[in-house]
Amino acid sequence: MARLYEPSGRDSECTPHNGKKFTLAELQALVGGYIEMVRIPGDAGKRVFFVDEEGRLKKLPPNVRASHIAGQLLVGNAVLCSPKEVD
């Protein structure tokens, strides 16, 4: 099950429109731009984050909760899911 982490500290469950896999357009809408995949150290590829690849250039606010999970600074909205949930 995917989760959307927002810089405000709010997080919520999110599901693909077809109920199985997110499309590129869905992920782009959730993060607000072109997507970048961020692997989580020590997670063996079970989960990944998708973030706005231009988030730092856009000066988006830090996403503290997602950054803590990822072990690196993430900014803007971040979608945490299994790579198998992405088309």
PDB file of N, CA and C in Angstrom:
ATOM      1  N   MET A   1       0.837  -1.180   0.000  1.00  0.00           N
ATOM      2  CA  MET A   1       0.000   0.000   0.000  1.00  0.00           C
ATOM      3  C   MET A   1       0.884   1.246   0.000  1.00  0.00           C
ATOM      4  N   ALA A   2       0.623   2.154  -0.900  1.00  0.00           N
ATOM      5  CA  ALA A   2       1.424   3.369  -1.047  1.00  0.00           C
ATOM      6  C   ALA A   2       0.966   4.443  -0.060  1.00  0.00           C
ATOM      7  N   ARG A   3       1.926   5.313   0.303  1.00  0.00           N
ATOM      8  CA  ARG A   3       1.624   6.443   1.184  1.00  0.00           C
ATOM      9  C   ARG A   3       2.199   7.704   0.570  1.00  0.00           C
ATOM     10  N   LEU A   4       1.439   8.781   0.697  1.00  0.00           N
ATOM     11  CA  LEU A   4       1.889  10.092   0.258  1.00  0.00           C
ATOM     12  C   LEU A   4       2.315  10.874   1.492  1.00  0.00           C
ATOM     13  N   TYR A   5       3.587  11.274   1.527  1.00  0.00           N
ATOM     14  CA  TYR A   5       4.120  12.095   2.620  1.00  0.00           C
ATOM     15  C   TYR A   5       4.229  13.531   2.120  1.00  0.00           C
ATOM     16  N   GLU A   6       3.657  14.447   2.888  1.00  0.00           N
ATOM     17  CA  GLU A   6       3.683  15.864   2.537  1.00  0.00           C
ATOM     18  C   GLU A   6       4.628  16.613   3.473  1.00  0.00           C
ATOM     19  N   PRO A   7       5.237  17.709   3.001  1.00  0.00           N
ATOM     20  CA  PRO A   7       6.163  18.469   3.843  1.00  0.00           C
ATOM     21  C   PRO A   7       5.523  18.983   5.134  1.00  0.00           C
ATOM     22  N   SER A   8       4.217  19.128   5.145  1.00  0.00           N
ATOM     23  CA  SER A   8       3.509  19.627   6.334  1.00  0.00           C
ATOM     24  C   SER A   8       3.536  18.622   7.485  1.00  0.00           C
ATOM     25  N   GLY A   9       3.955  17.373   7.179  1.00  0.00           N
ATOM     26  CA  GLY A   9       3.953  16.332   8.194  1.00  0.00           C
ATOM     27  C   GLY A   9       2.764  15.398   8.050  1.00  0.00           C
ATOM     28  N   ARG A  10       1.842  15.758   7.195  1.00  0.00           N
ATOM     29  CA  ARG A  10       0.665  14.931   6.949  1.00  0.00           C
ATOM     30  C   ARG A  10       1.049  13.778   6.022  1.00  0.00           C
ATOM     31  N   ASP A  11       0.501  12.603   6.265  1.00  0.00           N
ATOM     32  CA  ASP A  11       0.667  11.502   5.329  1.00  0.00           C
ATOM     33  C   ASP A  11      -0.665  10.795   5.168  1.00  0.00           C
ATOM     34  N   SER A  12      -0.856  10.219   4.007  1.00  0.00           N
ATOM     35  CA  SER A  12      -2.118   9.546   3.719  1.00  0.00           C
ATOM     36  C   SER A  12      -1.892   8.395   2.760  1.00  0.00           C
ATOM     37  N   GLU A  13      -2.789   7.438   2.843  1.00  0.00           N
ATOM     38  CA  GLU A  13      -2.740   6.303   1.944  1.00  0.00           C
ATOM     39  C   GLU A  13      -3.151   6.777   0.558  1.00  0.00           C
ATOM     40  N   CYS A  14      -2.498   6.251  -0.478  1.00  0.00           N
ATOM     41  CA  CYS A  14      -2.913   6.583  -1.837  1.00  0.00           C
ATOM     42  C   CYS A  14      -2.913   5.305  -2.671  1.00  0.00           C
ATOM     43  N   THR A  15      -3.854   5.237  -3.585  1.00  0.00           N
ATOM     44  CA  THR A  15      -3.980   4.050  -4.422  1.00  0.00           C
ATOM     45  C   THR A  15      -4.068   4.462  -5.884  1.00  0.00           C
ATOM     46  N   PRO A  16      -3.559   3.621  -6.767  1.00  0.00           N
ATOM     47  CA  PRO A  16      -3.654   3.920  -8.202  1.00  0.00           C
ATOM     48  C   PRO A  16      -5.111   3.895  -8.664  1.00  0.00           C
ATOM     49  N   HIS A  17      -5.407   4.625  -9.718  1.00  0.00           N
ATOM     50  CA  HIS A  17      -6.777   4.665 -10.225  1.00  0.00           C
ATOM     51  C   HIS A  17      -7.279   3.291 -10.637  1.00  0.00           C
ATOM     52  N   ASN A  18      -6.390   2.468 -11.193  1.00  0.00           N
ATOM     53  CA  ASN A  18      -6.823   1.136 -11.628  1.00  0.00           C
ATOM     54  C   ASN A  18      -6.774   0.112 -10.493  1.00  0.00           C
ATOM     55  N   GLY A  19      -6.336   0.544  -9.310  1.00  0.00           N
ATOM     56  CA  GLY A  19      -6.296  -0.331  -8.145  1.00  0.00           C
ATOM     57  C   GLY A  19      -5.080  -1.231  -8.062  1.00  0.00           C
ATOM     58  N   LYS A  20      -4.200  -1.195  -9.079  1.00  0.00           N
ATOM     59  CA  LYS A  20      -3.048  -2.099  -9.092  1.00  0.00           C
ATOM     60  C   LYS A  20      -1.713  -1.377  -9.214  1.00  0.00           C
ATOM     61  N   LYS A  21      -1.548  -0.558 -10.275  1.00  0.00           N
ATOM     62  CA  LYS A  21      -0.270   0.100 -10.530  1.00  0.00           C
ATOM     63  C   LYS A  21      -0.464   1.568 -10.875  1.00  0.00           C
ATOM     64  N   PHE A  22       0.446   2.407 -10.354  1.00  0.00           N
ATOM     65  CA  PHE A  22       0.446   3.823 -10.669  1.00  0.00           C
ATOM     66  C   PHE A  22       0.989   4.038 -12.080  1.00  0.00           C
ATOM     67  N   THR A  23       0.393   4.959 -12.802  1.00  0.00           N
ATOM     68  CA  THR A  23       0.932   5.372 -14.087  1.00  0.00           C
ATOM     69  C   THR A  23       1.912   6.515 -13.840  1.00  0.00           C
ATOM     70  N   LEU A  24       2.706   6.820 -14.844  1.00  0.00           N
ATOM     71  CA  LEU A  24       3.630   7.947 -14.752  1.00  0.00           C
ATOM     72  C   LEU A  24       2.858   9.230 -14.458  1.00  0.00           C
ATOM     73  N   ALA A  25       1.764   9.420 -15.150  1.00  0.00           N
ATOM     74  CA  ALA A  25       0.960  10.643 -14.958  1.00  0.00           C
ATOM     75  C   ALA A  25       0.427  10.752 -13.527  1.00  0.00           C
ATOM     76  N   GLU A  26       0.021   9.637 -12.945  1.00  0.00           N
ATOM     77  CA  GLU A  26      -0.476   9.665 -11.564  1.00  0.00           C
ATOM     78  C   GLU A  26       0.629  10.068 -10.594  1.00  0.00           C
ATOM     79  N   LEU A  27       1.807   9.476 -10.752  1.00  0.00           N
ATOM     80  CA  LEU A  27       2.920   9.823  -9.858  1.00  0.00           C
ATOM     81  C   LEU A  27       3.318  11.284 -10.032  1.00  0.00           C
ATOM     82  N   GLN A  28       3.345  11.762 -11.280  1.00  0.00           N
ATOM     83  CA  GLN A  28       3.687  13.163 -11.517  1.00  0.00           C
ATOM     84  C   GLN A  28       2.675  14.095 -10.867  1.00  0.00           C
ATOM     85  N   ALA A  29       1.408  13.734 -10.911  1.00  0.00           N
ATOM     86  CA  ALA A  29       0.372  14.563 -10.280  1.00  0.00           C
ATOM     87  C   ALA A  29       0.535  14.581  -8.760  1.00  0.00           C
ATOM     88  N   LEU A  30       0.892  13.438  -8.175  1.00  0.00           N
ATOM     89  CA  LEU A  30       1.050  13.359  -6.723  1.00  0.00           C
ATOM     90  C   LEU A  30       2.242  14.177  -6.220  1.00  0.00           C
ATOM     91  N   VAL A  31       3.352  14.184  -6.969  1.00  0.00           N
ATOM     92  CA  VAL A  31       4.542  14.906  -6.500  1.00  0.00           C
ATOM     93  C   VAL A  31       4.639  16.312  -7.075  1.00  0.00           C
ATOM     94  N   GLY A  32       3.868  16.607  -8.117  1.00  0.00           N
ATOM     95  CA  GLY A  32       3.849  17.957  -8.663  1.00  0.00           C
ATOM     96  C   GLY A  32       4.916  18.245  -9.690  1.00  0.00           C
ATOM     97  N   GLY A  33       5.388  17.238 -10.395  1.00  0.00           N
ATOM     98  CA  GLY A  33       6.399  17.466 -11.428  1.00  0.00           C
ATOM     99  C   GLY A  33       6.958  16.165 -11.948  1.00  0.00           C
ATOM    100  N   TYR A  34       8.063  16.285 -12.688  1.00  0.00           N
ATOM    101  CA  TYR A  34       8.742  15.092 -13.191  1.00  0.00           C
ATOM    102  C   TYR A  34       9.221  14.261 -12.008  1.00  0.00           C
ATOM    103  N   ILE A  35       9.143  12.947 -12.135  1.00  0.00           N
ATOM    104  CA  ILE A  35       9.470  12.098 -10.991  1.00  0.00           C
ATOM    105  C   ILE A  35      10.918  11.631 -10.994  1.00  0.00           C
ATOM    106  N   GLU A  36      11.403  11.411  -9.804  1.00  0.00           N
ATOM    107  CA  GLU A  36      12.711  10.802  -9.562  1.00  0.00           C
ATOM    108  C   GLU A  36      12.490   9.702  -8.525  1.00  0.00           C
ATOM    109  N   MET A  37      13.067   8.536  -8.769  1.00  0.00           N
ATOM    110  CA  MET A  37      12.963   7.440  -7.814  1.00  0.00           C
ATOM    111  C   MET A  37      14.136   7.521  -6.840  1.00  0.00           C
ATOM    112  N   VAL A  38      13.848   7.380  -5.561  1.00  0.00           N
ATOM    113  CA  VAL A  38      14.863   7.414  -4.512  1.00  0.00           C
ATOM    114  C   VAL A  38      14.812   6.082  -3.770  1.00  0.00           C
ATOM    115  N   ARG A  39      15.898   5.344  -3.818  1.00  0.00           N
ATOM    116  CA  ARG A  39      15.969   4.056  -3.109  1.00  0.00           C
ATOM    117  C   ARG A  39      16.218   4.297  -1.626  1.00  0.00           C
ATOM    118  N   ILE A  40      15.732   3.369  -0.819  1.00  0.00           N
ATOM    119  CA  ILE A  40      15.904   3.464   0.630  1.00  0.00           C
ATOM    120  C   ILE A  40      17.030   2.526   1.032  1.00  0.00           C
ATOM    121  N   PRO A  41      18.101   3.057   1.627  1.00  0.00           N
ATOM    122  CA  PRO A  41      19.224   2.206   2.021  1.00  0.00           C
ATOM    123  C   PRO A  41      18.796   1.096   2.976  1.00  0.00           C
ATOM    124  N   GLY A  42      19.288  -0.116   2.736  1.00  0.00           N
ATOM    125  CA  GLY A  42      19.004  -1.233   3.623  1.00  0.00           C
ATOM    126  C   GLY A  42      17.629  -1.846   3.442  1.00  0.00           C
ATOM    127  N   ASP A  43      16.876  -1.390   2.449  1.00  0.00           N
ATOM    128  CA  ASP A  43      15.513  -1.882   2.258  1.00  0.00           C
ATOM    129  C   ASP A  43      15.434  -2.941   1.161  1.00  0.00           C
ATOM    130  N   ALA A  44      16.541  -3.251   0.534  1.00  0.00           N
ATOM    131  CA  ALA A  44      16.634  -4.294  -0.500  1.00  0.00           C
ATOM    132  C   ALA A  44      15.613  -4.132  -1.623  1.00  0.00           C
ATOM    133  N   GLY A  45      15.294  -2.892  -1.977  1.00  0.00           N
ATOM    134  CA  GLY A  45      14.393  -2.640  -3.090  1.00  0.00           C
ATOM    135  C   GLY A  45      12.930  -2.943  -2.842  1.00  0.00           C
ATOM    136  N   LYS A  46      12.560  -3.182  -1.581  1.00  0.00           N
ATOM    137  CA  LYS A  46      11.160  -3.486  -1.270  1.00  0.00           C
ATOM    138  C   LYS A  46      10.270  -2.261  -1.391  1.00  0.00           C
ATOM    139  N   ARG A  47      10.835  -1.088  -1.045  1.00  0.00           N
ATOM    140  CA  ARG A  47      10.092   0.170  -1.126  1.00  0.00           C
ATOM    141  C   ARG A  47      10.996   1.237  -1.726  1.00  0.00           C
ATOM    142  N   VAL A  48      10.384   2.182  -2.420  1.00  0.00           N
ATOM    143  CA  VAL A  48      11.103   3.328  -2.971  1.00  0.00           C
ATOM    144  C   VAL A  48      10.233   4.565  -2.801  1.00  0.00           C
ATOM    145  N   PHE A  49      10.875   5.716  -2.836  1.00  0.00           N
ATOM    146  CA  PHE A  49      10.157   6.985  -2.850  1.00  0.00           C
ATOM    147  C   PHE A  49      10.159   7.524  -4.270  1.00  0.00           C
ATOM    148  N   PHE A  50       9.091   8.198  -4.636  1.00  0.00           N
ATOM    149  CA  PHE A  50       9.045   8.982  -5.860  1.00  0.00           C
ATOM    150  C   PHE A  50       8.843  10.426  -5.439  1.00  0.00           C
ATOM    151  N   VAL A  51       9.716  11.307  -5.939  1.00  0.00           N
ATOM    152  CA  VAL A  51       9.688  12.720  -5.587  1.00  0.00           C
ATOM    153  C   VAL A  51       9.801  13.550  -6.862  1.00  0.00           C
ATOM    154  N   ASP A  52       9.594  14.850  -6.741  1.00  0.00           N
ATOM    155  CA  ASP A  52       9.772  15.788  -7.855  1.00  0.00           C
ATOM    156  C   ASP A  52      11.277  15.943  -8.092  1.00  0.00           C
ATOM    157  N   GLU A  53      11.752  15.556  -9.284  1.00  0.00           N
ATOM    158  CA  GLU A  53      13.184  15.605  -9.550  1.00  0.00           C
ATOM    159  C   GLU A  53      13.741  17.034  -9.549  1.00  0.00           C
ATOM    160  N   GLU A  54      12.872  18.021  -9.705  1.00  0.00           N
ATOM    161  CA  GLU A  54      13.315  19.415  -9.689  1.00  0.00           C
ATOM    162  C   GLU A  54      12.926  20.112  -8.386  1.00  0.00           C
ATOM    163  N   GLY A  55      12.593  19.329  -7.370  1.00  0.00           N
ATOM    164  CA  GLY A  55      12.124  19.885  -6.111  1.00  0.00           C
ATOM    165  C   GLY A  55      13.075  20.877  -5.473  1.00  0.00           C
ATOM    166  N   ARG A  56      14.368  20.574  -5.502  1.00  0.00           N
ATOM    167  CA  ARG A  56      15.334  21.504  -4.893  1.00  0.00           C
ATOM    168  C   ARG A  56      15.468  22.778  -5.718  1.00  0.00           C
ATOM    169  N   LEU A  57      15.430  22.640  -7.056  1.00  0.00           N
ATOM    170  CA  LEU A  57      15.492  23.826  -7.912  1.00  0.00           C
ATOM    171  C   LEU A  57      14.268  24.713  -7.693  1.00  0.00           C
ATOM    172  N   LYS A  58      13.129  24.078  -7.435  1.00  0.00           N
ATOM    173  CA  LYS A  58      11.886  24.816  -7.177  1.00  0.00           C
ATOM    174  C   LYS A  58      11.821  25.340  -5.745  1.00  0.00           C
ATOM    175  N   LYS A  59      12.830  24.991  -4.948  1.00  0.00           N
ATOM    176  CA  LYS A  59      12.910  25.391  -3.544  1.00  0.00           C
ATOM    177  C   LYS A  59      11.681  24.925  -2.749  1.00  0.00           C
ATOM    178  N   LEU A  60      11.293  23.657  -2.989  1.00  0.00           N
ATOM    179  CA  LEU A  60      10.190  23.077  -2.232  1.00  0.00           C
ATOM    180  C   LEU A  60      10.618  22.866  -0.785  1.00  0.00           C
ATOM    181  N   PRO A  61       9.683  22.893   0.145  1.00  0.00           N
ATOM    182  CA  PRO A  61      10.034  22.736   1.561  1.00  0.00           C
ATOM    183  C   PRO A  61      10.522  21.316   1.856  1.00  0.00           C
ATOM    184  N   PRO A  62      11.404  21.179   2.859  1.00  0.00           N
ATOM    185  CA  PRO A  62      11.891  19.854   3.250  1.00  0.00           C
ATOM    186  C   PRO A  62      10.747  18.962   3.726  1.00  0.00           C
ATOM    187  N   ASN A  63      10.875  17.698   3.432  1.00  0.00           N
ATOM    188  CA  ASN A  63       9.907  16.705   3.879  1.00  0.00           C
ATOM    189  C   ASN A  63      10.611  15.880   4.956  1.00  0.00           C
ATOM    190  N   VAL A  64      10.455  16.295   6.197  1.00  0.00           N
ATOM    191  CA  VAL A  64      11.209  15.726   7.316  1.00  0.00           C
ATOM    192  C   VAL A  64      10.926  14.235   7.502  1.00  0.00           C
ATOM    193  N   ARG A  65       9.679  13.849   7.507  1.00  0.00           N
ATOM    194  CA  ARG A  65       9.347  12.426   7.743  1.00  0.00           C
ATOM    195  C   ARG A  65       9.879  11.539   6.626  1.00  0.00           C
ATOM    196  N   ALA A  66       9.681  11.939   5.377  1.00  0.00           N
ATOM    197  CA  ALA A  66      10.176  11.142   4.250  1.00  0.00           C
ATOM    198  C   ALA A  66      11.704  11.115   4.245  1.00  0.00           C
ATOM    199  N   SER A  67      12.338  12.221   4.587  1.00  0.00           N
ATOM    200  CA  SER A  67      13.800  12.283   4.639  1.00  0.00           C
ATOM    201  C   SER A  67      14.350  11.318   5.678  1.00  0.00           C
ATOM    202  N   HIS A  68      13.679  11.233   6.806  1.00  0.00           N
ATOM    203  CA  HIS A  68      14.103  10.323   7.869  1.00  0.00           C
ATOM    204  C   HIS A  68      14.068   8.865   7.377  1.00  0.00           C
ATOM    205  N   ILE A  69      13.016   8.506   6.677  1.00  0.00           N
ATOM    206  CA  ILE A  69      12.891   7.142   6.148  1.00  0.00           C
ATOM    207  C   ILE A  69      13.931   6.880   5.062  1.00  0.00           C
ATOM    208  N   ALA A  70      14.143   7.863   4.185  1.00  0.00           N
ATOM    209  CA  ALA A  70      15.051   7.697   3.050  1.00  0.00           C
ATOM    210  C   ALA A  70      16.521   7.817   3.438  1.00  0.00           C
ATOM    211  N   GLY A  71      16.799   8.430   4.579  1.00  0.00           N
ATOM    212  CA  GLY A  71      18.190   8.617   4.981  1.00  0.00           C
ATOM    213  C   GLY A  71      18.897   9.699   4.198  1.00  0.00           C
ATOM    214  N   GLN A  72      18.121  10.585   3.578  1.00  0.00           N
ATOM    215  CA  GLN A  72      18.672  11.723   2.834  1.00  0.00           C
ATOM    216  C   GLN A  72      17.595  12.787   2.721  1.00  0.00           C
ATOM    217  N   LEU A  73      18.004  14.002   2.406  1.00  0.00           N
ATOM    218  CA  LEU A  73      17.051  15.105   2.323  1.00  0.00           C
ATOM    219  C   LEU A  73      16.131  14.927   1.122  1.00  0.00           C
ATOM    220  N   LEU A  74      14.833  14.907   1.384  1.00  0.00           N
ATOM    221  CA  LEU A  74      13.822  14.923   0.340  1.00  0.00           C
ATOM    222  C   LEU A  74      12.997  16.188   0.517  1.00  0.00           C
ATOM    223  N   VAL A  75      12.560  16.768  -0.583  1.00  0.00           N
ATOM    224  CA  VAL A  75      11.752  17.987  -0.518  1.00  0.00           C
ATOM    225  C   VAL A  75      10.447  17.769  -1.274  1.00  0.00           C
ATOM    226  N   GLY A  76       9.433  18.509  -0.879  1.00  0.00           N
ATOM    227  CA  GLY A  76       8.141  18.396  -1.533  1.00  0.00           C
ATOM    228  C   GLY A  76       7.423  17.107  -1.176  1.00  0.00           C
ATOM    229  N   ASN A  77       6.382  16.798  -1.917  1.00  0.00           N
ATOM    230  CA  ASN A  77       5.625  15.569  -1.701  1.00  0.00           C
ATOM    231  C   ASN A  77       6.472  14.361  -2.068  1.00  0.00           C
ATOM    232  N   ALA A  78       6.266  13.257  -1.354  1.00  0.00           N
ATOM    233  CA  ALA A  78       7.001  12.024  -1.613  1.00  0.00           C
ATOM    234  C   ALA A  78       6.045  10.844  -1.503  1.00  0.00           C
ATOM    235  N   VAL A  79       6.056   9.998  -2.526  1.00  0.00           N
ATOM    236  CA  VAL A  79       5.203   8.811  -2.549  1.00  0.00           C
ATOM    237  C   VAL A  79       6.073   7.604  -2.222  1.00  0.00           C
ATOM    238  N   LEU A  80       5.709   6.888  -1.174  1.00  0.00           N
ATOM    239  CA  LEU A  80       6.422   5.677  -0.763  1.00  0.00           C
ATOM    240  C   LEU A  80       5.612   4.471  -1.222  1.00  0.00           C
ATOM    241  N   CYS A  81       6.243   3.600  -2.034  1.00  0.00           N
ATOM    242  CA  CYS A  81       5.530   2.417  -2.521  1.00  0.00           C
ATOM    243  C   CYS A  81       6.516   1.329  -2.919  1.00  0.00           C
ATOM    244  N   SER A  82       5.992   0.201  -3.266  1.00  0.00           N
ATOM    245  CA  SER A  82       6.783  -0.891  -3.793  1.00  0.00           C
ATOM    246  C   SER A  82       7.036  -0.622  -5.270  1.00  0.00           C
ATOM    247  N   PRO A  83       8.216  -0.966  -5.790  1.00  0.00           N
ATOM    248  CA  PRO A  83       8.430  -0.810  -7.245  1.00  0.00           C
ATOM    249  C   PRO A  83       7.414  -1.593  -8.066  1.00  0.00           C
ATOM    250  N   LYS A  84       6.833  -2.628  -7.480  1.00  0.00           N
ATOM    251  CA  LYS A  84       5.825  -3.441  -8.180  1.00  0.00           C
ATOM    252  C   LYS A  84       4.500  -2.704  -8.357  1.00  0.00           C
ATOM    253  N   GLU A  85       4.331  -1.585  -7.638  1.00  0.00           N
ATOM    254  CA  GLU A  85       3.096  -0.800  -7.740  1.00  0.00           C
ATOM    255  C   GLU A  85       3.168   0.268  -8.827  1.00  0.00           C
ATOM    256  N   VAL A  86       4.235   0.240  -9.628  1.00  0.00           N
ATOM    257  CA  VAL A  86       4.431   1.261 -10.642  1.00  0.00           C
ATOM    258  C   VAL A  86       4.457   0.619 -12.019  1.00  0.00           C
ATOM    259  N   ASP A  87       3.708   1.205 -12.946  1.00  0.00           N
ATOM    260  CA  ASP A  87       3.624   0.683 -14.305  1.00  0.00           C
ATOM    261  C   ASP A  87       4.801   1.141 -15.133  1.00  0.00           C
TER     262      ASP A  87
END
